[in-house]
Amino acid sequence: MNRQPESPRILNIMIVPEGAEDSRTYRIRYGWLKAAGVTLTGIALAVLVMGGSWWHLARRAARADELEREVAELRVEAARVEELAGELHRLETQYDRVRDMFGVRQPTGTPDLWLPPPAPRRSRGASRRLEEGPSLPTSWPLTERGFVTQKLLDGDGEEHPGVDIAVPTDSYIRAAGGGTVVDVGEDPVYGRFVVIDHGDGYQTLYAHASENLVRRGQQVWRNEVIALSGSTGRSTAPHLHFEITLNGQPVDPQTMVHQPS
């Protein structure tokens, strides 16, 4: 028994113009409709892809313009920095000339300065120095003069149990006398600090350091560098806060140490 082929499915569309007696009928095969739908879908997808590519390229172009502006600004800043560096070099040269005219020379070394040893083991000469034992804190706690900005205050509602000495950041802070480091660390008020016990009830405190160079329990001798000055803790500018206490009571440091002239 032979099977008859199926006839293609056809969509009939009838159009009747208004006011006319005749009508028109259009016959469209479903296969053509499917082909047209696939074609239109492909065209829509192509349009979407082209639109997305255009949007991406537009964003990249805008970003490139922004980067070009930033590069131009950086070039201007670099030129200004170079100009400032030249001006600084010129001023330094003039300063050196004026200093030479008045016969002022940079010091070639700091007297009575003992740097921390590079290793825990000390040299024979340093050991002999340590054998001297504790000593009263009577030496200036810096390798430079500095400027006293705050003296000891005790009473009348104000309290400042020490002196503040303004010095540049990373200046050498040295022990005012020989003794043992009994405390070293960091505090919200004092910042990085060192406390030395000198015996006979005397202790000294060195605060606001940028870096501590000694450890708890370490023996130090007079003028040994124990820290570098800074502005840590409750501080508005680089300086050393220096205290001397006797049996826990503050002593005016300026009665025991003398600022270099």
C-alpha atoms as a PDB file:
ATOM      1  CA  MET A   1       0.000   0.000   0.000  1.00  0.00           C
ATOM      2  CA  ASN A   2       1.536   3.269  -1.142  1.00  0.00           C
ATOM      3  CA  ARG A   3       1.387   6.241   1.227  1.00  0.00           C
ATOM      4  CA  GLN A   4       0.370   9.525  -0.339  1.00  0.00           C
ATOM      5  CA  PRO A   5       2.747  12.449   0.360  1.00  0.00           C
ATOM      6  CA  GLU A   6       1.348  15.022   2.698  1.00  0.00           C
ATOM      7  CA  SER A   7       0.373  18.290   1.109  1.00  0.00           C
ATOM      8  CA  PRO A   8       2.220  21.346   2.427  1.00  0.00           C
ATOM      9  CA  ARG A   9       0.454  23.359   5.084  1.00  0.00           C
ATOM     10  CA  ILE A  10      -0.689  26.718   3.758  1.00  0.00           C
ATOM     11  CA  LEU A  11      -1.812  29.868   5.541  1.00  0.00           C
ATOM     12  CA  ASN A  12      -4.546  31.790   3.752  1.00  0.00           C
ATOM     13  CA  ILE A  13      -4.745  35.525   4.360  1.00  0.00           C
ATOM     14  CA  MET A  14      -7.826  37.329   3.039  1.00  0.00           C
ATOM     15  CA  ILE A  15      -7.833  41.102   2.646  1.00  0.00           C
ATOM     16  CA  VAL A  16     -11.118  42.932   2.064  1.00  0.00           C
ATOM     17  CA  PRO A  17     -10.682  46.656   1.326  1.00  0.00           C
ATOM     18  CA  GLU A  18     -13.261  48.893   2.964  1.00  0.00           C
ATOM     19  CA  GLY A  19     -16.089  49.800   0.633  1.00  0.00           C
ATOM     20  CA  ALA A  20     -14.990  47.321  -2.027  1.00  0.00           C
ATOM     21  CA  GLU A  21     -16.813  44.195  -3.132  1.00  0.00           C
ATOM     22  CA  ASP A  22     -13.739  42.307  -4.254  1.00  0.00           C
ATOM     23  CA  SER A  23     -11.325  40.667  -1.804  1.00  0.00           C
ATOM     24  CA  ARG A  24      -7.821  39.420  -2.158  1.00  0.00           C
ATOM     25  CA  THR A  25      -6.493  36.173  -0.793  1.00  0.00           C
ATOM     26  CA  TYR A  26      -2.808  35.424  -0.191  1.00  0.00           C
ATOM     27  CA  ARG A  27      -1.530  31.911   0.273  1.00  0.00           C
ATOM     28  CA  ILE A  28       1.683  31.533   2.289  1.00  0.00           C
ATOM     29  CA  ARG A  29       3.319  28.263   3.110  1.00  0.00           C
ATOM     30  CA  TYR A  30       4.240  27.604   6.750  1.00  0.00           C
ATOM     31  CA  GLY A  31       7.774  26.678   5.634  1.00  0.00           C
ATOM     32  CA  TRP A  32       8.242  30.164   4.252  1.00  0.00           C
ATOM     33  CA  LEU A  33       7.001  31.645   7.532  1.00  0.00           C
ATOM     34  CA  LYS A  34       9.507  29.557   9.494  1.00  0.00           C
ATOM     35  CA  ALA A  35      12.319  30.598   7.181  1.00  0.00           C
ATOM     36  CA  ALA A  36      11.317  34.247   7.504  1.00  0.00           C
ATOM     37  CA  GLY A  37      11.201  33.927  11.307  1.00  0.00           C
ATOM     38  CA  VAL A  38      14.661  32.368  11.441  1.00  0.00           C
ATOM     39  CA  THR A  39      16.017  35.094   9.153  1.00  0.00           C
ATOM     40  CA  LEU A  40      14.473  37.891  11.229  1.00  0.00           C
ATOM     41  CA  THR A  41      15.808  36.322  14.442  1.00  0.00           C
ATOM     42  CA  GLY A  42      19.297  36.149  12.960  1.00  0.00           C
ATOM     43  CA  ILE A  43      19.086  39.761  11.856  1.00  0.00           C
ATOM     44  CA  ALA A  44      17.938  40.816  15.371  1.00  0.00           C
ATOM     45  CA  LEU A  45      20.805  38.898  16.998  1.00  0.00           C
ATOM     46  CA  ALA A  46      23.296  40.469  14.595  1.00  0.00           C
ATOM     47  CA  VAL A  47      21.936  43.919  15.427  1.00  0.00           C
ATOM     48  CA  LEU A  48      22.252  43.203  19.166  1.00  0.00           C
ATOM     49  CA  VAL A  49      25.839  41.968  18.784  1.00  0.00           C
ATOM     50  CA  MET A  50      26.792  45.001  16.704  1.00  0.00           C
ATOM     51  CA  GLY A  51      25.125  47.307  19.251  1.00  0.00           C
ATOM     52  CA  GLY A  52      26.968  45.652  22.154  1.00  0.00           C
ATOM     53  CA  SER A  53      30.293  45.873  20.301  1.00  0.00           C
ATOM     54  CA  TRP A  54      29.694  49.544  19.537  1.00  0.00           C
ATOM     55  CA  TRP A  55      28.864  50.278  23.216  1.00  0.00           C
ATOM     56  CA  HIS A  56      32.009  48.453  24.371  1.00  0.00           C
ATOM     57  CA  LEU A  57      34.180  50.329  21.875  1.00  0.00           C
ATOM     58  CA  ALA A  58      32.582  53.633  22.899  1.00  0.00           C
ATOM     59  CA  ARG A  59      33.395  52.931  26.575  1.00  0.00           C
ATOM     60  CA  ARG A  60      36.984  52.051  25.727  1.00  0.00           C
ATOM     61  CA  ALA A  61      37.327  55.208  23.657  1.00  0.00           C
ATOM     62  CA  ALA A  62      36.011  57.324  26.538  1.00  0.00           C
ATOM     63  CA  ARG A  63      38.423  55.580  28.957  1.00  0.00           C
ATOM     64  CA  ALA A  64      41.297  56.225  26.550  1.00  0.00           C
ATOM     65  CA  ASP A  65      40.456  59.925  26.496  1.00  0.00           C
ATOM     66  CA  GLU A  66      40.374  59.959  30.314  1.00  0.00           C
ATOM     67  CA  LEU A  67      43.755  58.216  30.497  1.00  0.00           C
ATOM     68  CA  GLU A  68      45.234  60.706  28.068  1.00  0.00           C
ATOM     69  CA  ARG A  69      44.057  63.573  30.284  1.00  0.00           C
ATOM     70  CA  GLU A  70      45.562  61.883  33.358  1.00  0.00           C
ATOM     71  CA  VAL A  71      48.866  61.358  31.549  1.00  0.00           C
ATOM     72  CA  ALA A  72      48.907  65.019  30.567  1.00  0.00           C
ATOM     73  CA  GLU A  73      48.255  66.065  34.184  1.00  0.00           C
ATOM     74  CA  LEU A  74      51.019  63.749  35.427  1.00  0.00           C
ATOM     75  CA  ARG A  75      53.442  65.262  32.948  1.00  0.00           C
ATOM     76  CA  VAL A  76      52.598  68.724  34.266  1.00  0.00           C
ATOM     77  CA  GLU A  77      53.115  67.533  37.865  1.00  0.00           C
ATOM     78  CA  ALA A  78      56.414  65.897  36.935  1.00  0.00           C
ATOM     79  CA  ALA A  79      57.589  69.140  35.382  1.00  0.00           C
ATOM     80  CA  ARG A  80      56.646  71.025  38.572  1.00  0.00           C
ATOM     81  CA  VAL A  81      58.485  68.493  40.749  1.00  0.00           C
ATOM     82  CA  GLU A  82      61.561  68.794  38.580  1.00  0.00           C
ATOM     83  CA  GLU A  83      61.356  72.580  38.820  1.00  0.00           C
ATOM     84  CA  LEU A  84      61.039  72.414  42.619  1.00  0.00           C
ATOM     85  CA  ALA A  85      63.990  70.010  42.822  1.00  0.00           C
ATOM     86  CA  GLY A  86      66.097  72.465  40.846  1.00  0.00           C
ATOM     87  CA  GLU A  87      65.022  75.324  43.110  1.00  0.00           C
ATOM     88  CA  LEU A  88      65.868  73.261  46.202  1.00  0.00           C
ATOM     89  CA  HIS A  89      69.294  72.440  44.824  1.00  0.00           C
ATOM     90  CA  ARG A  90      69.889  76.122  44.099  1.00  0.00           C
ATOM     91  CA  LEU A  91      68.881  77.117  47.648  1.00  0.00           C
ATOM     92  CA  GLU A  92      71.083  74.422  49.161  1.00  0.00           C
ATOM     93  CA  THR A  93      74.010  75.659  47.100  1.00  0.00           C
ATOM     94  CA  GLN A  94      73.422  79.236  48.291  1.00  0.00           C
ATOM     95  CA  TYR A  95      73.128  78.040  51.888  1.00  0.00           C
ATOM     96  CA  ASP A  96      76.445  76.184  51.623  1.00  0.00           C
ATOM     97  CA  ARG A  97      78.097  79.320  50.240  1.00  0.00           C
ATOM     98  CA  VAL A  98      76.741  81.522  53.061  1.00  0.00           C
ATOM     99  CA  ARG A  99      77.819  78.926  55.638  1.00  0.00           C
ATOM    100  CA  ASP A 100      81.314  78.849  54.142  1.00  0.00           C
ATOM    101  CA  MET A 101      81.481  82.660  54.186  1.00  0.00           C
ATOM    102  CA  PHE A 102      80.899  82.670  57.949  1.00  0.00           C
ATOM    103  CA  GLY A 103      83.236  79.767  58.550  1.00  0.00           C
ATOM    104  CA  VAL A 104      80.520  77.348  59.723  1.00  0.00           C
ATOM    105  CA  ARG A 105      81.265  73.687  59.169  1.00  0.00           C
ATOM    106  CA  GLN A 106      79.166  70.607  59.736  1.00  0.00           C
ATOM    107  CA  PRO A 107      80.393  68.600  62.718  1.00  0.00           C
ATOM    108  CA  THR A 108      82.438  65.588  61.652  1.00  0.00           C
ATOM    109  CA  GLY A 109      81.353  63.529  64.678  1.00  0.00           C
ATOM    110  CA  THR A 110      79.307  63.604  67.839  1.00  0.00           C
ATOM    111  CA  PRO A 111      81.303  63.483  71.074  1.00  0.00           C
ATOM    112  CA  ASP A 112      80.385  60.973  73.740  1.00  0.00           C
ATOM    113  CA  LEU A 113      78.112  59.107  71.334  1.00  0.00           C
ATOM    114  CA  TRP A 114      77.757  55.354  71.823  1.00  0.00           C
ATOM    115  CA  LEU A 115      75.799  53.571  69.115  1.00  0.00           C
ATOM    116  CA  PRO A 116      74.023  50.296  69.896  1.00  0.00           C
ATOM    117  CA  PRO A 117      76.130  47.229  69.079  1.00  0.00           C
ATOM    118  CA  PRO A 118      75.230  45.339  65.872  1.00  0.00           C
ATOM    119  CA  ALA A 119      74.986  42.069  67.831  1.00  0.00           C
ATOM    120  CA  PRO A 120      74.067  41.146  71.441  1.00  0.00           C
ATOM    121  CA  ARG A 121      77.715  40.444  72.210  1.00  0.00           C
ATOM    122  CA  ARG A 122      79.639  43.624  72.998  1.00  0.00           C
ATOM    123  CA  SER A 123      83.247  44.486  72.388  1.00  0.00           C
ATOM    124  CA  ARG A 124      85.820  44.330  75.172  1.00  0.00           C
ATOM    125  CA  GLY A 125      85.931  48.116  75.432  1.00  0.00           C
ATOM    126  CA  ALA A 126      82.151  48.310  75.716  1.00  0.00           C
ATOM    127  CA  SER A 127      82.187  45.664  78.450  1.00  0.00           C
ATOM    128  CA  ARG A 128      84.612  47.758  80.467  1.00  0.00           C
ATOM    129  CA  ARG A 129      82.268  50.700  80.005  1.00  0.00           C
ATOM    130  CA  LEU A 130      79.343  48.632  81.295  1.00  0.00           C
ATOM    131  CA  GLU A 131      81.307  47.677  84.393  1.00  0.00           C
ATOM    132  CA  GLU A 132      80.961  51.240  85.582  1.00  0.00           C
ATOM    133  CA  GLY A 133      77.360  50.352  86.525  1.00  0.00           C
ATOM    134  CA  PRO A 134      74.361  52.685  86.902  1.00  0.00           C
ATOM    135  CA  SER A 135      74.900  56.431  86.967  1.00  0.00           C
ATOM    136  CA  LEU A 136      72.720  59.439  87.645  1.00  0.00           C
ATOM    137  CA  PRO A 137      70.877  60.882  84.626  1.00  0.00           C
ATOM    138  CA  THR A 138      72.834  64.109  84.227  1.00  0.00           C
ATOM    139  CA  SER A 139      73.616  64.076  80.482  1.00  0.00           C
ATOM    140  CA  TRP A 140      71.586  65.802  77.776  1.00  0.00           C
ATOM    141  CA  PRO A 141      69.365  63.082  76.225  1.00  0.00           C
ATOM    142  CA  LEU A 142      70.043  64.113  72.615  1.00  0.00           C
ATOM    143  CA  THR A 143      73.046  64.460  70.353  1.00  0.00           C
ATOM    144  CA  GLU A 144      71.933  67.964  69.394  1.00  0.00           C
ATOM    145  CA  ARG A 145      70.734  71.010  71.270  1.00  0.00           C
ATOM    146  CA  GLY A 146      67.109  71.018  70.171  1.00  0.00           C
ATOM    147  CA  PHE A 147      64.577  73.545  71.455  1.00  0.00           C
ATOM    148  CA  VAL A 148      62.654  73.191  74.727  1.00  0.00           C
ATOM    149  CA  THR A 149      58.997  73.820  73.883  1.00  0.00           C
ATOM    150  CA  GLN A 150      57.388  72.695  77.146  1.00  0.00           C
ATOM    151  CA  LYS A 151      58.801  72.698  80.667  1.00  0.00           C
ATOM    152  CA  LEU A 152      57.703  70.699  83.700  1.00  0.00           C
ATOM    153  CA  LEU A 153      54.286  71.687  85.032  1.00  0.00           C
ATOM    154  CA  ASP A 154      52.884  70.307  88.285  1.00  0.00           C
ATOM    155  CA  GLY A 155      49.838  71.808  89.954  1.00  0.00           C
ATOM    156  CA  ASP A 156      47.250  74.540  89.249  1.00  0.00           C
ATOM    157  CA  GLY A 157      45.203  72.086  87.209  1.00  0.00           C
ATOM    158  CA  GLU A 158      48.023  71.446  84.760  1.00  0.00           C
ATOM    159  CA  GLU A 159      50.393  68.525  84.734  1.00  0.00           C
ATOM    160  CA  HIS A 160      53.358  67.842  82.485  1.00  0.00           C
ATOM    161  CA  PRO A 161      55.901  65.660  84.314  1.00  0.00           C
ATOM    162  CA  GLY A 162      58.843  66.367  82.050  1.00  0.00           C
ATOM    163  CA  VAL A 163      60.192  68.543  79.254  1.00  0.00           C
ATOM    164  CA  ASP A 164      59.460  68.522  75.520  1.00  0.00           C
ATOM    165  CA  ILE A 165      62.438  69.100  73.232  1.00  0.00           C
ATOM    166  CA  ALA A 166      61.748  69.794  69.557  1.00  0.00           C
ATOM    167  CA  VAL A 167      64.184  68.021  67.229  1.00  0.00           C
ATOM    168  CA  PRO A 168      64.010  66.694  63.656  1.00  0.00           C
ATOM    169  CA  THR A 169      62.614  63.216  63.089  1.00  0.00           C
ATOM    170  CA  ASP A 170      65.107  60.357  63.525  1.00  0.00           C
ATOM    171  CA  SER A 171      67.509  62.380  65.669  1.00  0.00           C
ATOM    172  CA  TYR A 172      69.579  60.303  68.110  1.00  0.00           C
ATOM    173  CA  ILE A 173      68.021  59.859  71.562  1.00  0.00           C
ATOM    174  CA  ARG A 174      70.641  58.754  74.098  1.00  0.00           C
ATOM    175  CA  ALA A 175      70.574  57.579  77.692  1.00  0.00           C
ATOM    176  CA  ALA A 176      71.061  60.417  80.190  1.00  0.00           C
ATOM    177  CA  GLY A 177      72.937  57.994  82.439  1.00  0.00           C
ATOM    178  CA  GLY A 178      73.926  54.355  82.748  1.00  0.00           C
ATOM    179  CA  GLY A 179      71.359  51.810  83.875  1.00  0.00           C
ATOM    180  CA  THR A 180      68.971  49.019  82.902  1.00  0.00           C
ATOM    181  CA  VAL A 181      66.054  49.220  80.481  1.00  0.00           C
ATOM    182  CA  VAL A 182      63.037  48.296  82.615  1.00  0.00           C
ATOM    183  CA  ASP A 183      60.309  49.035  80.081  1.00  0.00           C
ATOM    184  CA  VAL A 184      60.114  49.550  76.327  1.00  0.00           C
ATOM    185  CA  GLY A 185      57.093  49.540  74.064  1.00  0.00           C
ATOM    186  CA  GLU A 186      54.303  51.684  72.640  1.00  0.00           C
ATOM    187  CA  ASP A 187      51.589  53.686  74.402  1.00  0.00           C
ATOM    188  CA  PRO A 188      48.579  55.677  73.053  1.00  0.00           C
ATOM    189  CA  VAL A 189      49.880  58.831  74.774  1.00  0.00           C
ATOM    190  CA  TYR A 190      53.661  58.434  74.845  1.00  0.00           C
ATOM    191  CA  GLY A 191      53.919  56.553  71.543  1.00  0.00           C
ATOM    192  CA  ARG A 192      57.107  54.482  71.371  1.00  0.00           C
ATOM    193  CA  PHE A 193      58.945  54.912  74.666  1.00  0.00           C
ATOM    194  CA  VAL A 194      61.889  53.649  76.733  1.00  0.00           C
ATOM    195  CA  VAL A 195      62.249  53.644  80.554  1.00  0.00           C
ATOM    196  CA  ILE A 196      65.683  53.270  82.188  1.00  0.00           C
ATOM    197  CA  ASP A 197      66.387  52.554  85.863  1.00  0.00           C
ATOM    198  CA  HIS A 198      69.566  54.315  87.024  1.00  0.00           C
ATOM    199  CA  GLY A 199      69.543  53.055  90.607  1.00  0.00           C
ATOM    200  CA  ASP A 200      69.086  55.010  93.862  1.00  0.00           C
ATOM    201  CA  GLY A 201      65.396  55.501  92.937  1.00  0.00           C
ATOM    202  CA  TYR A 202      66.091  57.418  89.706  1.00  0.00           C
ATOM    203  CA  GLN A 203      64.370  56.536  86.430  1.00  0.00           C
ATOM    204  CA  THR A 204      64.165  58.304  83.082  1.00  0.00           C
ATOM    205  CA  LEU A 205      61.522  58.097  80.351  1.00  0.00           C
ATOM    206  CA  TYR A 206      62.029  58.900  76.659  1.00  0.00           C
ATOM    207  CA  ALA A 207      58.798  59.160  74.617  1.00  0.00           C
ATOM    208  CA  HIS A 208      57.378  59.782  71.111  1.00  0.00           C
ATOM    209  CA  ALA A 209      60.267  57.931  69.414  1.00  0.00           C
ATOM    210  CA  SER A 210      60.004  56.809  65.803  1.00  0.00           C
ATOM    211  CA  GLU A 211      61.949  53.652  66.618  1.00  0.00           C
ATOM    212  CA  ASN A 212      63.271  52.000  69.767  1.00  0.00           C
ATOM    213  CA  LEU A 213      66.769  50.490  69.582  1.00  0.00           C
ATOM    214  CA  VAL A 214      66.956  48.668  72.941  1.00  0.00           C
ATOM    215  CA  ARG A 215      65.068  45.828  74.618  1.00  0.00           C
ATOM    216  CA  ARG A 216      63.729  45.250  78.128  1.00  0.00           C
ATOM    217  CA  GLY A 217      66.422  44.035  80.527  1.00  0.00           C
ATOM    218  CA  GLN A 218      69.278  45.440  78.448  1.00  0.00           C
ATOM    219  CA  GLN A 219      72.051  47.353  80.194  1.00  0.00           C
ATOM    220  CA  VAL A 220      72.943  50.710  78.687  1.00  0.00           C
ATOM    221  CA  TRP A 221      75.592  53.227  79.532  1.00  0.00           C
ATOM    222  CA  ARG A 222      75.671  56.998  79.525  1.00  0.00           C
ATOM    223  CA  ASN A 223      75.197  58.576  76.068  1.00  0.00           C
ATOM    224  CA  GLU A 224      74.342  55.260  74.386  1.00  0.00           C
ATOM    225  CA  VAL A 225      71.791  55.759  71.602  1.00  0.00           C
ATOM    226  CA  ILE A 226      68.577  54.042  72.681  1.00  0.00           C
ATOM    227  CA  ALA A 227      66.013  55.358  70.168  1.00  0.00           C
ATOM    228  CA  LEU A 228      65.305  57.742  67.285  1.00  0.00           C
ATOM    229  CA  SER A 229      63.103  60.783  67.777  1.00  0.00           C
ATOM    230  CA  GLY A 230      59.692  60.992  66.137  1.00  0.00           C
ATOM    231  CA  SER A 231      56.072  62.008  66.634  1.00  0.00           C
ATOM    232  CA  THR A 232      54.302  58.812  67.698  1.00  0.00           C
ATOM    233  CA  GLY A 233      51.496  58.749  70.255  1.00  0.00           C
ATOM    234  CA  ARG A 234      49.742  61.971  71.249  1.00  0.00           C
ATOM    235  CA  SER A 235      52.071  64.364  69.470  1.00  0.00           C
ATOM    236  CA  THR A 236      51.650  67.196  66.977  1.00  0.00           C
ATOM    237  CA  ALA A 237      55.272  67.489  65.795  1.00  0.00           C
ATOM    238  CA  PRO A 238      58.583  65.604  66.090  1.00  0.00           C
ATOM    239  CA  HIS A 239      60.036  65.991  69.583  1.00  0.00           C
ATOM    240  CA  LEU A 240      61.390  64.129  72.605  1.00  0.00           C
ATOM    241  CA  HIS A 241      59.387  64.005  75.832  1.00  0.00           C
ATOM    242  CA  PHE A 242      61.955  63.458  78.596  1.00  0.00           C
ATOM    243  CA  GLU A 243      61.121  62.696  82.219  1.00  0.00           C
ATOM    244  CA  ILE A 244      63.190  62.103  85.374  1.00  0.00           C
ATOM    245  CA  THR A 245      61.539  60.583  88.446  1.00  0.00           C
ATOM    246  CA  LEU A 246      62.920  59.957  91.933  1.00  0.00           C
ATOM    247  CA  ASN A 247      61.061  57.240  93.824  1.00  0.00           C
ATOM    248  CA  GLY A 248      58.153  57.721  91.431  1.00  0.00           C
ATOM    249  CA  GLN A 249      57.927  61.520  91.849  1.00  0.00           C
ATOM    250  CA  PRO A 250      58.727  63.851  88.927  1.00  0.00           C
ATOM    251  CA  VAL A 251      61.963  65.834  89.057  1.00  0.00           C
ATOM    252  CA  ASP A 252      62.512  68.874  86.868  1.00  0.00           C
ATOM    253  CA  PRO A 253      64.981  67.558  84.257  1.00  0.00           C
ATOM    254  CA  GLN A 254      66.456  71.022  83.797  1.00  0.00           C
ATOM    255  CA  THR A 255      67.792  70.863  87.364  1.00  0.00           C
ATOM    256  CA  MET A 256      69.855  67.766  86.513  1.00  0.00           C
ATOM    257  CA  VAL A 257      70.730  68.032  82.807  1.00  0.00           C
ATOM    258  CA  HIS A 258      71.955  71.112  80.985  1.00  0.00           C
ATOM    259  CA  GLN A 259      71.053  71.998  77.424  1.00  0.00           C
ATOM    260  CA  PRO A 260      74.163  72.452  75.210  1.00  0.00           C
ATOM    261  CA  SER A 261      74.835  75.994  74.140  1.00  0.00           C
END
